[in-house]
Amino acid sequence: MTVAYVMLNCDLGAEAELVEKLRELENVSHVSETMGAHDMLVKLEAENFEKIREIVAWSIKNLPKVRSTTTLIEKSA
C-alpha cells in the first residue's frame, strides 16, 4: 500500500465544492481544509506509486477550480 498526501490550492471560494468532489474519488481516504500556503490536504491510499501518480494527474488536477498541487509520498519503514 502506498500513501500520499496532496497539498492543493484552488480558486477562492471553491473549497467546499472541491472537498465534496475529492471525497467522491475512490482512493481518497481523507480531505482537510487548511490555512496557510495550501487550501487543502488530501490523503490518498493506493496499491503503488503509479496509481498515485494517475490519481493526481487525471483525477485531482483535472477537477475544475484546482490551481496547483504538491504531492508527498510516504516512505514505509
N, C-alpha and C. Protein backbone atom coordinates (compact mmCIF):
# COMPACT_ATOMS: atom_id res chain seq x y z
N MET A 1 0.85 -1.18 0.00
CA MET A 1 0.00 0.00 0.00
C MET A 1 0.89 1.24 0.00
N THR A 2 0.59 2.17 -0.86
CA THR A 2 1.30 3.44 -0.94
C THR A 2 0.39 4.54 -0.44
N VAL A 3 0.93 5.39 0.43
CA VAL A 3 0.18 6.52 0.99
C VAL A 3 0.82 7.80 0.49
N ALA A 4 -0.01 8.74 0.07
CA ALA A 4 0.48 10.04 -0.40
C ALA A 4 -0.40 11.14 0.16
N TYR A 5 0.20 12.31 0.29
CA TYR A 5 -0.51 13.50 0.74
C TYR A 5 -0.41 14.53 -0.35
N VAL A 6 -1.55 15.05 -0.78
CA VAL A 6 -1.58 16.06 -1.83
C VAL A 6 -1.99 17.38 -1.19
N MET A 7 -1.11 18.36 -1.29
CA MET A 7 -1.41 19.71 -0.83
C MET A 7 -1.94 20.45 -2.05
N LEU A 8 -3.11 21.01 -1.93
CA LEU A 8 -3.83 21.53 -3.07
C LEU A 8 -4.19 22.99 -2.88
N ASN A 9 -4.09 23.76 -3.94
CA ASN A 9 -4.56 25.15 -3.96
C ASN A 9 -5.69 25.24 -4.98
N CYS A 10 -6.72 26.02 -4.63
CA CYS A 10 -7.87 26.15 -5.51
C CYS A 10 -8.29 27.61 -5.63
N ASP A 11 -9.25 27.84 -6.51
CA ASP A 11 -9.81 29.18 -6.66
C ASP A 11 -10.49 29.60 -5.36
N LEU A 12 -10.43 30.88 -5.08
CA LEU A 12 -11.06 31.43 -3.89
C LEU A 12 -12.56 31.11 -3.88
N GLY A 13 -13.03 30.55 -2.78
CA GLY A 13 -14.44 30.23 -2.64
C GLY A 13 -14.84 28.86 -3.15
N ALA A 14 -13.91 28.11 -3.71
CA ALA A 14 -14.22 26.79 -4.28
C ALA A 14 -13.97 25.64 -3.30
N GLU A 15 -13.57 25.95 -2.09
CA GLU A 15 -13.15 24.92 -1.15
C GLU A 15 -14.24 23.88 -0.86
N ALA A 16 -15.42 24.32 -0.47
CA ALA A 16 -16.48 23.38 -0.09
C ALA A 16 -16.86 22.47 -1.25
N GLU A 17 -16.97 23.03 -2.43
CA GLU A 17 -17.31 22.25 -3.62
C GLU A 17 -16.23 21.20 -3.90
N LEU A 18 -14.97 21.60 -3.80
CA LEU A 18 -13.88 20.67 -4.06
C LEU A 18 -13.77 19.58 -3.01
N VAL A 19 -14.01 19.91 -1.76
CA VAL A 19 -13.97 18.90 -0.70
C VAL A 19 -14.95 17.78 -1.04
N GLU A 20 -16.14 18.13 -1.45
CA GLU A 20 -17.16 17.12 -1.79
C GLU A 20 -16.71 16.27 -2.98
N LYS A 21 -16.18 16.90 -4.01
CA LYS A 21 -15.73 16.16 -5.20
C LYS A 21 -14.55 15.25 -4.87
N LEU A 22 -13.63 15.74 -4.05
CA LEU A 22 -12.47 14.92 -3.68
C LEU A 22 -12.89 13.71 -2.86
N ARG A 23 -13.83 13.87 -1.96
CA ARG A 23 -14.29 12.76 -1.13
C ARG A 23 -14.96 11.67 -1.94
N GLU A 24 -15.43 12.00 -3.13
CA GLU A 24 -16.07 11.01 -4.01
C GLU A 24 -15.05 10.13 -4.74
N LEU A 25 -13.79 10.55 -4.80
CA LEU A 25 -12.77 9.78 -5.52
C LEU A 25 -12.42 8.52 -4.73
N GLU A 26 -12.27 7.42 -5.45
CA GLU A 26 -12.10 6.10 -4.84
C GLU A 26 -10.94 5.98 -3.87
N ASN A 27 -9.78 6.48 -4.18
CA ASN A 27 -8.59 6.28 -3.37
C ASN A 27 -8.33 7.39 -2.36
N VAL A 28 -9.25 8.33 -2.24
CA VAL A 28 -9.11 9.41 -1.25
C VAL A 28 -9.62 8.90 0.09
N SER A 29 -8.73 8.91 1.10
CA SER A 29 -9.15 8.42 2.42
C SER A 29 -9.48 9.56 3.38
N HIS A 30 -9.01 10.78 3.09
CA HIS A 30 -9.29 11.91 3.98
C HIS A 30 -9.04 13.22 3.25
N VAL A 31 -9.88 14.22 3.52
CA VAL A 31 -9.71 15.57 2.97
C VAL A 31 -9.86 16.56 4.12
N SER A 32 -8.92 17.49 4.24
CA SER A 32 -9.00 18.54 5.25
C SER A 32 -8.77 19.89 4.60
N GLU A 33 -9.57 20.88 4.98
CA GLU A 33 -9.27 22.26 4.58
C GLU A 33 -8.18 22.75 5.51
N THR A 34 -7.25 23.54 4.98
CA THR A 34 -6.13 24.04 5.78
C THR A 34 -6.01 25.55 5.61
N MET A 35 -5.18 26.13 6.46
CA MET A 35 -4.86 27.56 6.36
C MET A 35 -3.36 27.67 6.13
N GLY A 36 -2.96 28.66 5.39
CA GLY A 36 -1.54 28.85 5.13
C GLY A 36 -1.25 28.78 3.65
N ALA A 37 -0.14 28.15 3.31
CA ALA A 37 0.31 28.11 1.92
C ALA A 37 -0.59 27.28 1.02
N HIS A 38 -1.35 26.34 1.58
CA HIS A 38 -2.22 25.47 0.79
C HIS A 38 -3.64 25.52 1.33
N ASP A 39 -4.60 25.24 0.46
CA ASP A 39 -6.01 25.31 0.83
C ASP A 39 -6.54 24.00 1.40
N MET A 40 -5.95 22.87 0.97
CA MET A 40 -6.43 21.55 1.38
C MET A 40 -5.30 20.56 1.47
N LEU A 41 -5.55 19.53 2.28
CA LEU A 41 -4.66 18.39 2.38
C LEU A 41 -5.49 17.15 2.10
N VAL A 42 -5.06 16.38 1.11
CA VAL A 42 -5.79 15.20 0.68
C VAL A 42 -4.90 13.98 0.90
N LYS A 43 -5.43 12.98 1.60
CA LYS A 43 -4.69 11.74 1.82
C LYS A 43 -5.17 10.69 0.82
N LEU A 44 -4.21 10.10 0.10
CA LEU A 44 -4.51 9.05 -0.87
C LEU A 44 -3.91 7.74 -0.41
N GLU A 45 -4.59 6.65 -0.68
CA GLU A 45 -4.07 5.31 -0.43
C GLU A 45 -4.31 4.48 -1.68
N ALA A 46 -3.24 3.93 -2.24
CA ALA A 46 -3.35 3.14 -3.47
C ALA A 46 -2.32 2.02 -3.44
N GLU A 47 -2.44 1.11 -4.40
CA GLU A 47 -1.56 -0.07 -4.40
C GLU A 47 -0.10 0.23 -4.74
N ASN A 48 0.17 1.31 -5.47
CA ASN A 48 1.56 1.61 -5.83
C ASN A 48 1.71 3.08 -6.26
N PHE A 49 2.96 3.46 -6.50
CA PHE A 49 3.30 4.83 -6.88
C PHE A 49 2.61 5.23 -8.18
N GLU A 50 2.59 4.31 -9.14
CA GLU A 50 2.00 4.62 -10.44
C GLU A 50 0.51 4.96 -10.32
N LYS A 51 -0.19 4.26 -9.44
CA LYS A 51 -1.62 4.54 -9.23
C LYS A 51 -1.80 5.92 -8.58
N ILE A 52 -0.92 6.25 -7.63
CA ILE A 52 -0.97 7.59 -7.01
C ILE A 52 -0.78 8.66 -8.08
N ARG A 53 0.23 8.47 -8.91
CA ARG A 53 0.50 9.45 -9.98
C ARG A 53 -0.69 9.59 -10.91
N GLU A 54 -1.33 8.49 -11.24
CA GLU A 54 -2.51 8.51 -12.11
C GLU A 54 -3.66 9.28 -11.47
N ILE A 55 -3.90 9.04 -10.19
CA ILE A 55 -5.00 9.72 -9.47
C ILE A 55 -4.75 11.23 -9.45
N VAL A 56 -3.53 11.63 -9.12
CA VAL A 56 -3.21 13.05 -9.04
C VAL A 56 -3.32 13.70 -10.41
N ALA A 57 -2.70 13.08 -11.41
CA ALA A 57 -2.65 13.69 -12.75
C ALA A 57 -4.01 13.72 -13.44
N TRP A 58 -4.78 12.64 -13.34
CA TRP A 58 -6.00 12.54 -14.13
C TRP A 58 -7.28 12.82 -13.35
N SER A 59 -7.27 12.61 -12.05
CA SER A 59 -8.49 12.83 -11.29
C SER A 59 -8.49 14.15 -10.51
N ILE A 60 -7.40 14.41 -9.79
CA ILE A 60 -7.37 15.61 -8.95
C ILE A 60 -7.05 16.86 -9.76
N LYS A 61 -5.99 16.83 -10.55
CA LYS A 61 -5.60 18.04 -11.30
C LYS A 61 -6.64 18.45 -12.34
N ASN A 62 -7.47 17.53 -12.78
CA ASN A 62 -8.48 17.85 -13.78
C ASN A 62 -9.79 18.35 -13.19
N LEU A 63 -9.90 18.38 -11.86
CA LEU A 63 -11.11 18.93 -11.26
C LEU A 63 -11.17 20.44 -11.52
N PRO A 64 -12.35 20.95 -11.86
CA PRO A 64 -12.45 22.40 -12.06
C PRO A 64 -12.07 23.16 -10.79
N LYS A 65 -11.41 24.26 -10.97
CA LYS A 65 -11.02 25.20 -9.90
C LYS A 65 -9.80 24.76 -9.10
N VAL A 66 -9.15 23.65 -9.47
CA VAL A 66 -7.87 23.27 -8.85
C VAL A 66 -6.79 24.09 -9.54
N ARG A 67 -6.01 24.82 -8.77
CA ARG A 67 -4.97 25.68 -9.34
C ARG A 67 -3.61 24.99 -9.35
N SER A 68 -3.27 24.27 -8.27
CA SER A 68 -1.97 23.61 -8.22
C SER A 68 -2.00 22.51 -7.16
N THR A 69 -1.06 21.57 -7.29
CA THR A 69 -0.92 20.50 -6.31
C THR A 69 0.56 20.25 -6.04
N THR A 70 0.83 19.77 -4.85
CA THR A 70 2.15 19.29 -4.47
C THR A 70 1.91 17.95 -3.78
N THR A 71 2.60 16.91 -4.24
CA THR A 71 2.37 15.57 -3.71
C THR A 71 3.58 15.08 -2.94
N LEU A 72 3.31 14.55 -1.75
CA LEU A 72 4.33 13.94 -0.90
C LEU A 72 3.99 12.46 -0.77
N ILE A 73 4.94 11.60 -1.08
CA ILE A 73 4.76 10.16 -0.97
C ILE A 73 5.36 9.70 0.35
N GLU A 74 4.59 8.96 1.12
CA GLU A 74 5.07 8.44 2.40
C GLU A 74 5.93 7.20 2.15
N LYS A 75 7.12 7.21 2.71
CA LYS A 75 8.01 6.07 2.57
C LYS A 75 7.78 5.14 3.76
N SER A 76 7.46 3.88 3.46
CA SER A 76 7.23 2.94 4.56
C SER A 76 8.56 2.48 5.14
N ALA A 77 8.56 2.28 6.44
CA ALA A 77 9.80 1.89 7.14
C ALA A 77 10.07 0.43 7.01
